[in-house]
C-alpha atoms as a PDB file:
ATOM      1  CA  MET A   1       0.000   0.000   0.000  1.00  0.00           C
ATOM      2  CA  VAL A   2       1.035   3.593  -0.659  1.00  0.00           C
ATOM      3  CA  MET A   3       0.837   4.357   3.057  1.00  0.00           C
ATOM      4  CA  THR A   4       3.804   2.056   3.704  1.00  0.00           C
ATOM      5  CA  ASN A   5       5.865   4.343   1.464  1.00  0.00           C
ATOM      6  CA  TRP A   6       4.464   7.380   3.271  1.00  0.00           C
ATOM      7  CA  LYS A   7       5.560   6.012   6.662  1.00  0.00           C
ATOM      8  CA  LYS A   8       9.121   5.634   5.378  1.00  0.00           C
ATOM      9  CA  ILE A   9       9.043   9.194   4.057  1.00  0.00           C
ATOM     10  CA  GLU A  10       7.692  10.476   7.392  1.00  0.00           C
ATOM     11  CA  ASN A  11      10.596   8.691   9.096  1.00  0.00           C
ATOM     12  CA  LYS A  12      12.959  10.462   6.654  1.00  0.00           C
ATOM     13  CA  GLN A  13      13.983   7.195   4.998  1.00  0.00           C
ATOM     14  CA  PHE A  14      14.353   8.613   1.497  1.00  0.00           C
ATOM     15  CA  ASN A  15      15.226   6.952  -1.779  1.00  0.00           C
ATOM     16  CA  SER A  16      17.326   8.832  -4.337  1.00  0.00           C
ATOM     17  CA  ILE A  17      14.673   8.226  -7.009  1.00  0.00           C
ATOM     18  CA  TYR A  18      10.911   7.677  -6.835  1.00  0.00           C
ATOM     19  CA  LEU A  19       8.609   6.568  -9.636  1.00  0.00           C
ATOM     20  CA  VAL A  20       5.001   7.475  -8.878  1.00  0.00           C
ATOM     21  CA  TYR A  21       2.554   6.255 -11.515  1.00  0.00           C
ATOM     22  CA  GLY A  22      -1.174   5.705 -11.821  1.00  0.00           C
ATOM     23  CA  ASN A  23      -4.368   7.704 -12.304  1.00  0.00           C
ATOM     24  CA  GLU A  24      -5.386   8.250  -8.662  1.00  0.00           C
ATOM     25  CA  ALA A  25      -4.719  11.981  -8.318  1.00  0.00           C
ATOM     26  CA  TYR A  26      -5.179  12.021  -4.540  1.00  0.00           C
ATOM     27  CA  LEU A  27      -2.405   9.459  -3.930  1.00  0.00           C
ATOM     28  CA  ILE A  28      -0.064  11.290  -6.310  1.00  0.00           C
ATOM     29  CA  ASN A  29      -0.641  14.677  -4.691  1.00  0.00           C
ATOM     30  CA  GLU A  30      -0.396  13.295  -1.170  1.00  0.00           C
ATOM     31  CA  THR A  31       2.925  11.583  -1.986  1.00  0.00           C
ATOM     32  CA  LYS A  32       4.294  14.854  -3.361  1.00  0.00           C
ATOM     33  CA  GLN A  33       3.149  16.684  -0.248  1.00  0.00           C
ATOM     34  CA  LYS A  34       4.710  14.091   2.079  1.00  0.00           C
ATOM     35  CA  LEU A  35       8.060  14.431   0.331  1.00  0.00           C
ATOM     36  CA  TYR A  36       7.861  18.217   0.372  1.00  0.00           C
ATOM     37  CA  ASP A  37       6.997  18.307   4.077  1.00  0.00           C
ATOM     38  CA  HIS A  38       9.655  15.843   5.250  1.00  0.00           C
ATOM     39  CA  ALA A  39      12.557  16.186   2.806  1.00  0.00           C
ATOM     40  CA  LEU A  40      12.925  19.948   3.082  1.00  0.00           C
ATOM     41  CA  GLU A  41      13.427  22.029   6.183  1.00  0.00           C
ATOM     42  CA  GLU A  42      11.374  25.168   6.711  1.00  0.00           C
ATOM     43  CA  GLY A  43      12.472  27.977   4.407  1.00  0.00           C
ATOM     44  CA  GLU A  44      14.436  25.730   2.028  1.00  0.00           C
ATOM     45  CA  ALA A  45      11.826  25.357  -0.711  1.00  0.00           C
ATOM     46  CA  ASP A  46      12.816  28.549  -2.537  1.00  0.00           C
ATOM     47  CA  PHE A  47      16.331  27.194  -3.039  1.00  0.00           C
ATOM     48  CA  ASN A  48      16.022  23.401  -3.102  1.00  0.00           C
ATOM     49  CA  TYR A  49      12.633  22.584  -4.640  1.00  0.00           C
ATOM     50  CA  ALA A  50      11.794  22.473  -8.344  1.00  0.00           C
ATOM     51  CA  VAL A  51       8.975  21.086 -10.481  1.00  0.00           C
ATOM     52  CA  TYR A  52       9.392  20.432 -14.218  1.00  0.00           C
ATOM     53  CA  ASP A  53       6.622  19.646 -16.675  1.00  0.00           C
ATOM     54  CA  LEU A  54       8.260  17.352 -19.222  1.00  0.00           C
ATOM     55  CA  GLU A  55       5.621  18.275 -21.784  1.00  0.00           C
ATOM     56  CA  GLU A  56       7.222  21.735 -21.775  1.00  0.00           C
ATOM     57  CA  THR A  57      10.836  21.215 -20.608  1.00  0.00           C
ATOM     58  CA  PRO A  58      13.562  18.794 -21.825  1.00  0.00           C
ATOM     59  CA  VAL A  59      14.473  16.205 -19.213  1.00  0.00           C
ATOM     60  CA  GLU A  60      18.156  17.137 -19.411  1.00  0.00           C
ATOM     61  CA  THR A  61      17.321  20.640 -18.114  1.00  0.00           C
ATOM     62  CA  ALA A  62      15.679  19.107 -15.063  1.00  0.00           C
ATOM     63  CA  LEU A  63      18.650  16.782 -14.551  1.00  0.00           C
ATOM     64  CA  GLU A  64      21.049  19.739 -14.489  1.00  0.00           C
ATOM     65  CA  ASP A  65      19.029  21.050 -11.556  1.00  0.00           C
ATOM     66  CA  ALA A  66      19.072  17.606  -9.885  1.00  0.00           C
ATOM     67  CA  GLU A  67      22.877  17.519 -10.157  1.00  0.00           C
ATOM     68  CA  THR A  68      23.268  20.956  -8.538  1.00  0.00           C
ATOM     69  CA  PHE A  69      24.329  20.969  -4.877  1.00  0.00           C
ATOM     70  CA  PRO A  70      21.597  22.061  -2.452  1.00  0.00           C
ATOM     71  CA  PHE A  71      21.821  25.606  -1.137  1.00  0.00           C
ATOM     72  CA  MET A  72      21.423  26.136   2.613  1.00  0.00           C
ATOM     73  CA  GLY A  73      20.194  22.587   3.169  1.00  0.00           C
ATOM     74  CA  GLU A  74      21.027  18.904   2.901  1.00  0.00           C
ATOM     75  CA  LYS A  75      18.597  17.815   0.165  1.00  0.00           C
ATOM     76  CA  ARG A  76      17.170  18.974  -3.131  1.00  0.00           C
ATOM     77  CA  LEU A  77      13.704  17.814  -4.189  1.00  0.00           C
ATOM     78  CA  VAL A  78      13.190  17.739  -7.951  1.00  0.00           C
ATOM     79  CA  ILE A  79       9.840  16.676  -9.433  1.00  0.00           C
ATOM     80  CA  LEU A  80       9.519  15.533 -13.055  1.00  0.00           C
ATOM     81  CA  GLN A  81       5.891  15.492 -14.225  1.00  0.00           C
ATOM     82  CA  ASN A  82       4.233  14.027 -17.337  1.00  0.00           C
ATOM     83  CA  PRO A  83       7.044  11.815 -18.713  1.00  0.00           C
ATOM     84  CA  VAL A  84       5.071  10.687 -21.745  1.00  0.00           C
ATOM     85  CA  PHE A  85       8.167   8.835 -23.005  1.00  0.00           C
ATOM     86  CA  LEU A  86       7.430   6.163 -20.369  1.00  0.00           C
ATOM     87  CA  THR A  87       4.179   5.249 -22.145  1.00  0.00           C
ATOM     88  CA  ALA A  88       3.274   3.685 -25.457  1.00  0.00           C
ATOM     89  CA  GLU A  89       1.258   6.766 -26.433  1.00  0.00           C
ATOM     90  CA  LYS A  90       1.948   8.125 -29.889  1.00  0.00           C
ATOM     91  CA  THR A  91       1.885  11.853 -29.273  1.00  0.00           C
ATOM     92  CA  LYS A  92       3.530  14.745 -31.038  1.00  0.00           C
ATOM     93  CA  GLU A  93       5.875  15.947 -28.319  1.00  0.00           C
ATOM     94  CA  LYS A  94       6.521  19.680 -27.985  1.00  0.00           C
ATOM     95  CA  VAL A  95      10.070  19.001 -26.797  1.00  0.00           C
ATOM     96  CA  VAL A  96      12.716  16.371 -27.551  1.00  0.00           C
ATOM     97  CA  HIS A  97      14.139  14.558 -24.532  1.00  0.00           C
ATOM     98  CA  ASN A  98      17.613  13.143 -24.147  1.00  0.00           C
ATOM     99  CA  VAL A  99      16.437   9.923 -22.495  1.00  0.00           C
ATOM    100  CA  ASP A 100      20.011   8.574 -22.512  1.00  0.00           C
ATOM    101  CA  LYS A 101      20.946  11.249 -19.972  1.00  0.00           C
ATOM    102  CA  LEU A 102      18.078  10.186 -17.749  1.00  0.00           C
ATOM    103  CA  GLU A 103      19.206   6.545 -17.995  1.00  0.00           C
ATOM    104  CA  ALA A 104      22.750   7.569 -16.993  1.00  0.00           C
ATOM    105  CA  TYR A 105      21.425   9.601 -14.043  1.00  0.00           C
ATOM    106  CA  ILE A 106      19.238   6.741 -12.808  1.00  0.00           C
ATOM    107  CA  GLN A 107      22.292   4.464 -12.672  1.00  0.00           C
ATOM    108  CA  SER A 108      24.304   7.038 -10.720  1.00  0.00           C
ATOM    109  CA  PRO A 109      21.945   9.490  -8.995  1.00  0.00           C
ATOM    110  CA  ALA A 110      23.134  12.530  -7.043  1.00  0.00           C
ATOM    111  CA  PRO A 111      23.250  11.513  -3.353  1.00  0.00           C
ATOM    112  CA  TYR A 112      21.961  14.899  -2.208  1.00  0.00           C
ATOM    113  CA  THR A 113      18.873  14.968  -4.494  1.00  0.00           C
ATOM    114  CA  ILE A 114      15.500  13.247  -4.287  1.00  0.00           C
ATOM    115  CA  LEU A 115      14.290  12.879  -7.872  1.00  0.00           C
ATOM    116  CA  VAL A 116      10.575  12.118  -8.232  1.00  0.00           C
ATOM    117  CA  VAL A 117       9.193  10.996 -11.589  1.00  0.00           C
ATOM    118  CA  ILE A 118       5.419  11.402 -11.623  1.00  0.00           C
ATOM    119  CA  ALA A 119       3.625   9.555 -14.426  1.00  0.00           C
ATOM    120  CA  PRO A 120      -0.155  10.120 -14.125  1.00  0.00           C
ATOM    121  CA  TYR A 121      -0.951   7.257 -16.470  1.00  0.00           C
ATOM    122  CA  GLU A 122      -2.785   3.998 -15.904  1.00  0.00           C
ATOM    123  CA  LYS A 123      -0.065   1.967 -17.637  1.00  0.00           C
ATOM    124  CA  LEU A 124       3.592   2.379 -18.555  1.00  0.00           C
ATOM    125  CA  ASP A 125       5.313   0.802 -21.539  1.00  0.00           C
ATOM    126  CA  GLU A 126       7.130  -2.106 -19.907  1.00  0.00           C
ATOM    127  CA  ARG A 127       9.033  -2.843 -23.125  1.00  0.00           C
ATOM    128  CA  LYS A 128      11.053   0.360 -22.973  1.00  0.00           C
ATOM    129  CA  LYS A 129      14.545   0.327 -21.490  1.00  0.00           C
ATOM    130  CA  ILE A 130      13.937   3.517 -19.513  1.00  0.00           C
ATOM    131  CA  THR A 131      10.792   2.069 -17.908  1.00  0.00           C
ATOM    132  CA  LYS A 132      12.577  -1.146 -16.923  1.00  0.00           C
ATOM    133  CA  LEU A 133      15.509   0.798 -15.513  1.00  0.00           C
ATOM    134  CA  LEU A 134      13.306   3.134 -13.478  1.00  0.00           C
ATOM    135  CA  LYS A 135      11.291   0.260 -12.036  1.00  0.00           C
ATOM    136  CA  LYS A 136      14.498  -1.524 -11.079  1.00  0.00           C
ATOM    137  CA  GLN A 137      16.375   1.405  -9.509  1.00  0.00           C
ATOM    138  CA  ALA A 138      13.609   3.644  -8.153  1.00  0.00           C
ATOM    139  CA  GLU A 139      11.227   3.165  -5.270  1.00  0.00           C
ATOM    140  CA  VAL A 140       7.969   2.528  -7.103  1.00  0.00           C
ATOM    141  CA  ILE A 141       4.734   3.955  -5.734  1.00  0.00           C
ATOM    142  CA  GLU A 142       1.684   2.770  -7.651  1.00  0.00           C
ATOM    143  CA  ALA A 143      -1.035   5.405  -7.330  1.00  0.00           C
ATOM    144  CA  LYS A 144      -3.784   3.380  -8.969  1.00  0.00           C
ATOM    145  CA  LYS A 145      -7.517   3.467  -8.430  1.00  0.00           C
ATOM    146  CA  LEU A 146      -8.210   1.170  -5.487  1.00  0.00           C
ATOM    147  CA  ASN A 147     -10.633  -1.749  -5.572  1.00  0.00           C
ATOM    148  CA  GLU A 148     -13.153  -2.353  -2.801  1.00  0.00           C
ATOM    149  CA  GLN A 149     -10.850  -4.345  -0.512  1.00  0.00           C
ATOM    150  CA  GLU A 150      -7.953  -1.937  -1.071  1.00  0.00           C
ATOM    151  CA  ILE A 151     -10.177   1.033  -0.208  1.00  0.00           C
ATOM    152  CA  LYS A 152     -11.295  -0.703   2.998  1.00  0.00           C
ATOM    153  CA  THR A 153      -7.642  -1.337   3.917  1.00  0.00           C
ATOM    154  CA  TRP A 154      -6.841   2.276   3.077  1.00  0.00           C
ATOM    155  CA  VAL A 155      -9.681   3.499   5.333  1.00  0.00           C
ATOM    156  CA  ARG A 156      -8.412   1.364   8.235  1.00  0.00           C
ATOM    157  CA  GLU A 157      -4.852   2.647   7.758  1.00  0.00           C
ATOM    158  CA  ARG A 158      -5.971   6.251   7.421  1.00  0.00           C
ATOM    159  CA  ALA A 159      -8.010   5.921  10.634  1.00  0.00           C
ATOM    160  CA  ALA A 160      -4.985   4.356  12.367  1.00  0.00           C
ATOM    161  CA  LEU A 161      -2.855   7.352  11.336  1.00  0.00           C
ATOM    162  CA  ASN A 162      -5.421   9.469  13.183  1.00  0.00           C
ATOM    163  CA  GLY A 163      -5.045   7.233  16.247  1.00  0.00           C
ATOM    164  CA  VAL A 164      -8.457   5.540  16.013  1.00  0.00           C
ATOM    165  CA  GLN A 165      -9.948   2.203  14.957  1.00  0.00           C
ATOM    166  CA  ILE A 166     -12.960   1.911  12.682  1.00  0.00           C
ATOM    167  CA  ASP A 167     -15.471  -0.967  12.783  1.00  0.00           C
ATOM    168  CA  GLU A 168     -16.137  -3.032   9.641  1.00  0.00           C
ATOM    169  CA  LYS A 169     -19.819  -2.069   9.540  1.00  0.00           C
ATOM    170  CA  ALA A 170     -18.779   1.556   9.924  1.00  0.00           C
ATOM    171  CA  ILE A 171     -16.451   1.228   6.907  1.00  0.00           C
ATOM    172  CA  ASP A 172     -19.252  -0.223   4.765  1.00  0.00           C
ATOM    173  CA  LEU A 173     -21.599   2.582   5.748  1.00  0.00           C
ATOM    174  CA  LEU A 174     -18.938   5.241   5.194  1.00  0.00           C
ATOM    175  CA  LEU A 175     -18.279   3.993   1.648  1.00  0.00           C
ATOM    176  CA  SER A 176     -21.982   3.825   0.829  1.00  0.00           C
ATOM    177  CA  LEU A 177     -22.555   7.362   2.141  1.00  0.00           C
ATOM    178  CA  ALA A 178     -19.395   9.222   1.123  1.00  0.00           C
ATOM    179  CA  GLY A 179     -18.470   7.216  -1.966  1.00  0.00           C
ATOM    180  CA  THR A 180     -14.978   6.141  -2.993  1.00  0.00           C
ATOM    181  CA  ASN A 181     -13.290   9.492  -3.670  1.00  0.00           C
ATOM    182  CA  LEU A 182     -10.184   9.403  -1.471  1.00  0.00           C
ATOM    183  CA  MET A 183     -10.146  13.152  -0.908  1.00  0.00           C
ATOM    184  CA  MET A 184     -13.741  13.064   0.338  1.00  0.00           C
ATOM    185  CA  LEU A 185     -13.017   9.990   2.496  1.00  0.00           C
ATOM    186  CA  THR A 186      -9.970  11.688   4.026  1.00  0.00           C
ATOM    187  CA  SER A 187     -12.043  14.709   4.977  1.00  0.00           C
ATOM    188  CA  GLU A 188     -14.765  12.531   6.519  1.00  0.00           C
ATOM    189  CA  LEU A 189     -12.281  10.305   8.385  1.00  0.00           C
ATOM    190  CA  ASP A 190     -10.478  13.305   9.860  1.00  0.00           C
ATOM    191  CA  LYS A 191     -13.810  14.660  11.115  1.00  0.00           C
ATOM    192  CA  LEU A 192     -14.956  11.265  12.470  1.00  0.00           C
ATOM    193  CA  SER A 193     -11.584  10.685  14.160  1.00  0.00           C
ATOM    194  CA  LEU A 194     -11.799  14.013  15.950  1.00  0.00           C
ATOM    195  CA  TYR A 195     -15.312  13.193  17.195  1.00  0.00           C
ATOM    196  CA  ALA A 196     -14.186   9.724  18.368  1.00  0.00           C
ATOM    197  CA  SER A 197     -11.044  10.962  20.140  1.00  0.00           C
ATOM    198  CA  ASP A 198     -12.427  10.028  23.572  1.00  0.00           C
ATOM    199  CA  THR A 199     -13.018   6.354  22.722  1.00  0.00           C
ATOM    200  CA  ASN A 200     -10.540   6.046  19.803  1.00  0.00           C
ATOM    201  CA  ARG A 201     -13.193   4.033  17.958  1.00  0.00           C
ATOM    202  CA  ILE A 202     -15.430   4.938  15.032  1.00  0.00           C
ATOM    203  CA  ASP A 203     -18.594   2.841  15.022  1.00  0.00           C
ATOM    204  CA  TYR A 204     -21.656   2.596  12.764  1.00  0.00           C
ATOM    205  CA  GLU A 205     -23.664   5.128  14.786  1.00  0.00           C
ATOM    206  CA  ILE A 206     -20.945   7.805  14.580  1.00  0.00           C
ATOM    207  CA  VAL A 207     -20.665   7.393  10.802  1.00  0.00           C
ATOM    208  CA  ASP A 208     -24.434   7.515  10.376  1.00  0.00           C
ATOM    209  CA  LYS A 209     -24.674  10.622  12.541  1.00  0.00           C
ATOM    210  CA  LEU A 210     -21.809  12.683  11.120  1.00  0.00           C
ATOM    211  CA  THR A 211     -21.036  11.660   7.547  1.00  0.00           C
ATOM    212  CA  ALA A 212     -22.028  14.186   4.918  1.00  0.00           C
ATOM    213  CA  ARG A 213     -24.158  12.815   2.086  1.00  0.00           C
ATOM    214  CA  SER A 214     -23.478  13.965  -1.444  1.00  0.00           C
ATOM    215  CA  LEU A 215     -26.488  14.396  -3.722  1.00  0.00           C
ATOM    216  CA  GLU A 216     -25.563  11.168  -5.522  1.00  0.00           C
ATOM    217  CA  GLN A 217     -25.344   9.254  -2.247  1.00  0.00           C
ATOM    218  CA  ASN A 218     -28.660  10.706  -1.092  1.00  0.00           C
ATOM    219  CA  ILE A 219     -30.229   9.477  -4.333  1.00  0.00           C
ATOM    220  CA  PHE A 220     -28.677   6.039  -3.790  1.00  0.00           C
ATOM    221  CA  GLY A 221     -30.109   6.012  -0.262  1.00  0.00           C
ATOM    222  CA  LEU A 222     -33.473   7.043  -1.636  1.00  0.00           C
ATOM    223  CA  VAL A 223     -33.507   4.151  -4.115  1.00  0.00           C
ATOM    224  CA  GLU A 224     -32.316   1.784  -1.379  1.00  0.00           C
ATOM    225  CA  ARG A 225     -35.271   2.811   0.817  1.00  0.00           C
ATOM    226  CA  VAL A 226     -37.630   2.165  -2.106  1.00  0.00           C
ATOM    227  CA  VAL A 227     -36.312  -1.351  -2.757  1.00  0.00           C
ATOM    228  CA  GLN A 228     -36.546  -2.070   0.971  1.00  0.00           C
ATOM    229  CA  ARG A 229     -40.218  -0.966   0.778  1.00  0.00           C
ATOM    230  CA  ARG A 230     -39.667   1.966   3.148  1.00  0.00           C
ATOM    231  CA  ILE A 231     -41.454   4.571   1.039  1.00  0.00           C
ATOM    232  CA  ASP A 232     -41.935   6.943   3.985  1.00  0.00           C
ATOM    233  CA  GLU A 233     -38.153   7.176   4.486  1.00  0.00           C
ATOM    234  CA  ALA A 234     -37.578   7.585   0.732  1.00  0.00           C
ATOM    235  CA  LEU A 235     -40.007  10.492   0.638  1.00  0.00           C
ATOM    236  CA  ARG A 236     -38.344  12.023   3.702  1.00  0.00           C
ATOM    237  CA  ILE A 237     -34.976  12.013   1.894  1.00  0.00           C
ATOM    238  CA  TYR A 238     -36.633  13.590  -1.145  1.00  0.00           C
ATOM    239  CA  TYR A 239     -38.314  16.332   0.881  1.00  0.00           C
ATOM    240  CA  ASP A 240     -35.005  17.041   2.670  1.00  0.00           C
ATOM    241  CA  LEU A 241     -33.307  17.478  -0.712  1.00  0.00           C
ATOM    242  CA  LEU A 242     -35.987  19.976  -1.733  1.00  0.00           C
ATOM    243  CA  LYS A 243     -35.416  21.888   1.527  1.00  0.00           C
ATOM    244  CA  GLN A 244     -31.720  22.031   0.586  1.00  0.00           C
ATOM    245  CA  ASN A 245     -32.807  23.726  -2.664  1.00  0.00           C
ATOM    246  CA  GLU A 246     -31.783  20.822  -4.868  1.00  0.00           C
ATOM    247  CA  GLU A 247     -33.415  21.153  -8.280  1.00  0.00           C
ATOM    248  CA  PRO A 248     -35.976  18.398  -9.078  1.00  0.00           C
ATOM    249  CA  ILE A 249     -34.617  18.088 -12.615  1.00  0.00           C
ATOM    250  CA  LYS A 250     -31.125  17.405 -11.236  1.00  0.00           C
ATOM    251  CA  ILE A 251     -32.539  14.819  -8.800  1.00  0.00           C
ATOM    252  CA  LEU A 252     -34.362  13.172 -11.704  1.00  0.00           C
ATOM    253  CA  ALA A 253     -31.182  13.077 -13.806  1.00  0.00           C
ATOM    254  CA  ILE A 254     -29.245  11.304 -11.046  1.00  0.00           C
ATOM    255  CA  LEU A 255     -32.156   8.895 -10.502  1.00  0.00           C
ATOM    256  CA  ALA A 256     -32.009   8.100 -14.232  1.00  0.00           C
ATOM    257  CA  GLY A 257     -28.257   7.484 -13.986  1.00  0.00           C
ATOM    258  CA  GLN A 258     -28.695   5.136 -11.017  1.00  0.00           C
ATOM    259  CA  PHE A 259     -31.355   3.023 -12.742  1.00  0.00           C
ATOM    260  CA  ARG A 260     -29.333   2.980 -15.950  1.00  0.00           C
ATOM    261  CA  LEU A 261     -26.392   1.615 -13.945  1.00  0.00           C
ATOM    262  CA  ILE A 262     -28.649  -0.966 -12.256  1.00  0.00           C
ATOM    263  CA  TYR A 263     -29.897  -2.201 -15.634  1.00  0.00           C
ATOM    264  CA  GLN A 264     -26.472  -2.242 -17.300  1.00  0.00           C
ATOM    265  CA  ALA A 265     -24.829  -4.037 -14.365  1.00  0.00           C
ATOM    266  CA  LYS A 266     -27.601  -6.623 -14.277  1.00  0.00           C
ATOM    267  CA  GLU A 267     -27.379  -7.244 -18.024  1.00  0.00           C
ATOM    268  CA  LEU A 268     -23.587  -7.608 -17.998  1.00  0.00           C
ATOM    269  CA  ALA A 269     -23.701  -9.918 -14.962  1.00  0.00           C
ATOM    270  CA  ARG A 270     -26.189 -12.101 -16.819  1.00  0.00           C
ATOM    271  CA  LYS A 271     -23.684 -12.346 -19.679  1.00  0.00           C
ATOM    272  CA  GLY A 272     -21.053 -13.648 -17.252  1.00  0.00           C
ATOM    273  CA  TYR A 273     -19.086 -10.481 -16.535  1.00  0.00           C
ATOM    274  CA  GLY A 274     -17.529 -10.214 -13.064  1.00  0.00           C
ATOM    275  CA  GLN A 275     -17.827  -7.154 -10.829  1.00  0.00           C
ATOM    276  CA  GLN A 276     -14.415  -5.775 -11.832  1.00  0.00           C
ATOM    277  CA  GLN A 277     -15.088  -6.372 -15.543  1.00  0.00           C
ATOM    278  CA  ILE A 278     -18.424  -4.566 -15.304  1.00  0.00           C
ATOM    279  CA  ALA A 279     -16.755  -1.638 -13.538  1.00  0.00           C
ATOM    280  CA  THR A 280     -14.092  -1.395 -16.255  1.00  0.00           C
ATOM    281  CA  PHE A 281     -16.662  -1.643 -19.056  1.00  0.00           C
ATOM    282  CA  LEU A 282     -18.970   0.991 -17.540  1.00  0.00           C
ATOM    283  CA  LYS A 283     -16.061   3.152 -16.268  1.00  0.00           C
ATOM    284  CA  VAL A 284     -17.354   3.301 -12.706  1.00  0.00           C
ATOM    285  CA  HIS A 285     -15.868   2.160  -9.401  1.00  0.00           C
ATOM    286  CA  PRO A 286     -16.355  -1.566  -8.567  1.00  0.00           C
ATOM    287  CA  PHE A 287     -18.015  -0.619  -5.265  1.00  0.00           C
ATOM    288  CA  ARG A 288     -20.757   1.215  -7.163  1.00  0.00           C
ATOM    289  CA  VAL A 289     -21.258  -1.899  -9.306  1.00  0.00           C
ATOM    290  CA  LYS A 290     -21.559  -4.058  -6.194  1.00  0.00           C
ATOM    291  CA  LEU A 291     -24.251  -1.776  -4.761  1.00  0.00           C
ATOM    292  CA  ALA A 292     -26.086  -1.585  -8.094  1.00  0.00           C
ATOM    293  CA  LEU A 293     -26.139  -5.384  -8.430  1.00  0.00           C
ATOM    294  CA  GLY A 294     -27.597  -5.593  -4.935  1.00  0.00           C
ATOM    295  CA  GLN A 295     -30.405  -3.246  -5.933  1.00  0.00           C
ATOM    296  CA  ALA A 296     -30.921  -5.022  -9.272  1.00  0.00           C
ATOM    297  CA  LYS A 297     -32.210  -8.109  -7.444  1.00  0.00           C
ATOM    298  CA  HIS A 298     -35.345  -6.172  -6.559  1.00  0.00           C
ATOM    299  CA  PHE A 299     -36.340  -5.445 -10.169  1.00  0.00           C
ATOM    300  CA  ASN A 300     -36.997  -7.629 -13.198  1.00  0.00           C
ATOM    301  CA  ASP A 301     -36.210  -6.434 -16.730  1.00  0.00           C
ATOM    302  CA  GLN A 302     -39.765  -5.358 -17.498  1.00  0.00           C
ATOM    303  CA  GLN A 303     -39.902  -3.237 -14.357  1.00  0.00           C
ATOM    304  CA  LEU A 304     -36.565  -1.570 -15.155  1.00  0.00           C
ATOM    305  CA  PHE A 305     -37.741  -0.743 -18.689  1.00  0.00           C
ATOM    306  CA  SER A 306     -40.954   0.669 -17.245  1.00  0.00           C
ATOM    307  CA  ILE A 307     -39.035   2.777 -14.692  1.00  0.00           C
ATOM    308  CA  MET A 308     -36.710   4.221 -17.331  1.00  0.00           C
ATOM    309  CA  ASP A 309     -39.755   5.063 -19.446  1.00  0.00           C
ATOM    310  CA  LEU A 310     -41.401   6.792 -16.468  1.00  0.00           C
ATOM    311  CA  ILE A 311     -38.236   8.796 -15.818  1.00  0.00           C
ATOM    312  CA  ALA A 312     -38.046   9.834 -19.482  1.00  0.00           C
ATOM    313  CA  THR A 313     -41.719  10.905 -19.356  1.00  0.00           C
ATOM    314  CA  GLY A 314     -41.044  12.823 -16.121  1.00  0.00           C
ATOM    315  CA  ASP A 315     -38.086  14.574 -17.753  1.00  0.00           C
ATOM    316  CA  TYR A 316     -40.281  15.618 -20.694  1.00  0.00           C
ATOM    317  CA  GLU A 317     -43.043  16.880 -18.375  1.00  0.00           C
ATOM    318  CA  MET A 318     -40.561  18.906 -16.323  1.00  0.00           C
ATOM    319  CA  LYS A 319     -39.017  20.552 -19.355  1.00  0.00           C
ATOM    320  CA  THR A 320     -42.388  21.371 -20.913  1.00  0.00           C
ATOM    321  CA  GLY A 321     -44.003  22.473 -17.655  1.00  0.00           C
ATOM    322  CA  ARG A 322     -46.922  20.056 -17.987  1.00  0.00           C
ATOM    323  CA  ARG A 323     -46.905  19.204 -14.286  1.00  0.00           C
ATOM    324  CA  LYS A 324     -45.351  20.621 -11.142  1.00  0.00           C
ATOM    325  CA  LYS A 325     -41.719  19.438 -10.944  1.00  0.00           C
ATOM    326  CA  GLU A 326     -41.832  18.390  -7.287  1.00  0.00           C
ATOM    327  CA  LEU A 327     -45.005  16.339  -7.854  1.00  0.00           C
ATOM    328  CA  ILE A 328     -43.507  14.451 -10.817  1.00  0.00           C
ATOM    329  CA  ILE A 329     -40.771  12.875  -8.664  1.00  0.00           C
ATOM    330  CA  GLU A 330     -43.153  12.258  -5.779  1.00  0.00           C
ATOM    331  CA  MET A 331     -45.471  10.273  -8.067  1.00  0.00           C
ATOM    332  CA  LEU A 332     -42.447   8.464  -9.515  1.00  0.00           C
ATOM    333  CA  LEU A 333     -41.394   7.319  -6.039  1.00  0.00           C
ATOM    334  CA  PHE A 334     -44.853   5.918  -5.335  1.00  0.00           C
ATOM    335  CA  THR A 335     -44.727   4.064  -8.658  1.00  0.00           C
ATOM    336  CA  LEU A 336     -41.277   2.663  -7.795  1.00  0.00           C
ATOM    337  CA  HIS A 337     -42.673   1.488  -4.473  1.00  0.00           C
ATOM    338  CA  GLU A 338     -45.505  -0.323  -6.260  1.00  0.00           C
ATOM    339  CA  GLN A 339     -42.999  -1.929  -8.632  1.00  0.00           C
ATOM    340  CA  THR A 340     -40.974  -3.419  -5.777  1.00  0.00           C
ATOM    341  CA  MET A 341     -44.147  -4.751  -4.135  1.00  0.00           C
ATOM    342  CA  THR A 342     -44.815  -6.830  -7.252  1.00  0.00           C
ATOM    343  CA  THR A 343     -41.253  -8.041  -7.979  1.00  0.00           C
ATOM    344  CA  SER A 344     -41.348 -11.560  -9.260  1.00  0.00           C
END
């Protein structure tokens, strides 16, 4: 896990070269921040910190900086961003890089410099010599999108960094309420940890009481109440959203997206696709697929077609002003409730 690398950085156990790659922006930015905070003393950044965008600057220019002795400090921190030459992408580069110089530096790095190569790409070209060399010599930090189990591990470790434990049921609820965005989860965990500082334990009740619900998560909760035949609670969520000045047409659009996901996940599962494959195909997080498949059990195909048709009709009525917007969704929720009562 990335946090293992972070602990080493916090203990000032630095590598001469880091390769950070993947498309999880939060993990990339947090790694950069950890290195900045722990590698440089206060007031040194102006002299010993540099960031180079390799889409704009030749790599050899950055290496000249990396080979320069630090001024008024022990370490230099040099960040190289967007090294497209590590990928198989065929792009028209604005600059030409002397990759041979980078290969030579990797084999004999400056002992006083921490060189960080940040490649915000899902995959690197493993056939290239430079990629192989970097992976062999550098400390590799894979900042990839986390699957469900990895996110749960990450939540536990993040809570532990805050000096608290979090119950398994609390983790499940947190993910269903706050989603899988690591920045959002960090914010929620910091808040929950502060609240639980007396007991050092985050339980289900604390998460339920304090976790902020995004509009999307409120809509998911609304649908969940419908499939559980708790129409009164579903309506309460809807009325609360109206009190928060959420636009009915926006609520309807997210409802449409949720039922579209439910139908697509169900159809792909029927064709033999696994949860991860469905997530990749639909370009959503696997945890969302898992939740959608759970809700899909409460609807047959005919009901899902009917619901999508009702939502499309509601959208038309809202945009043409044929009925009051708030009433359209209210009637839709009652219809959804009736559909679940007759699920075969």
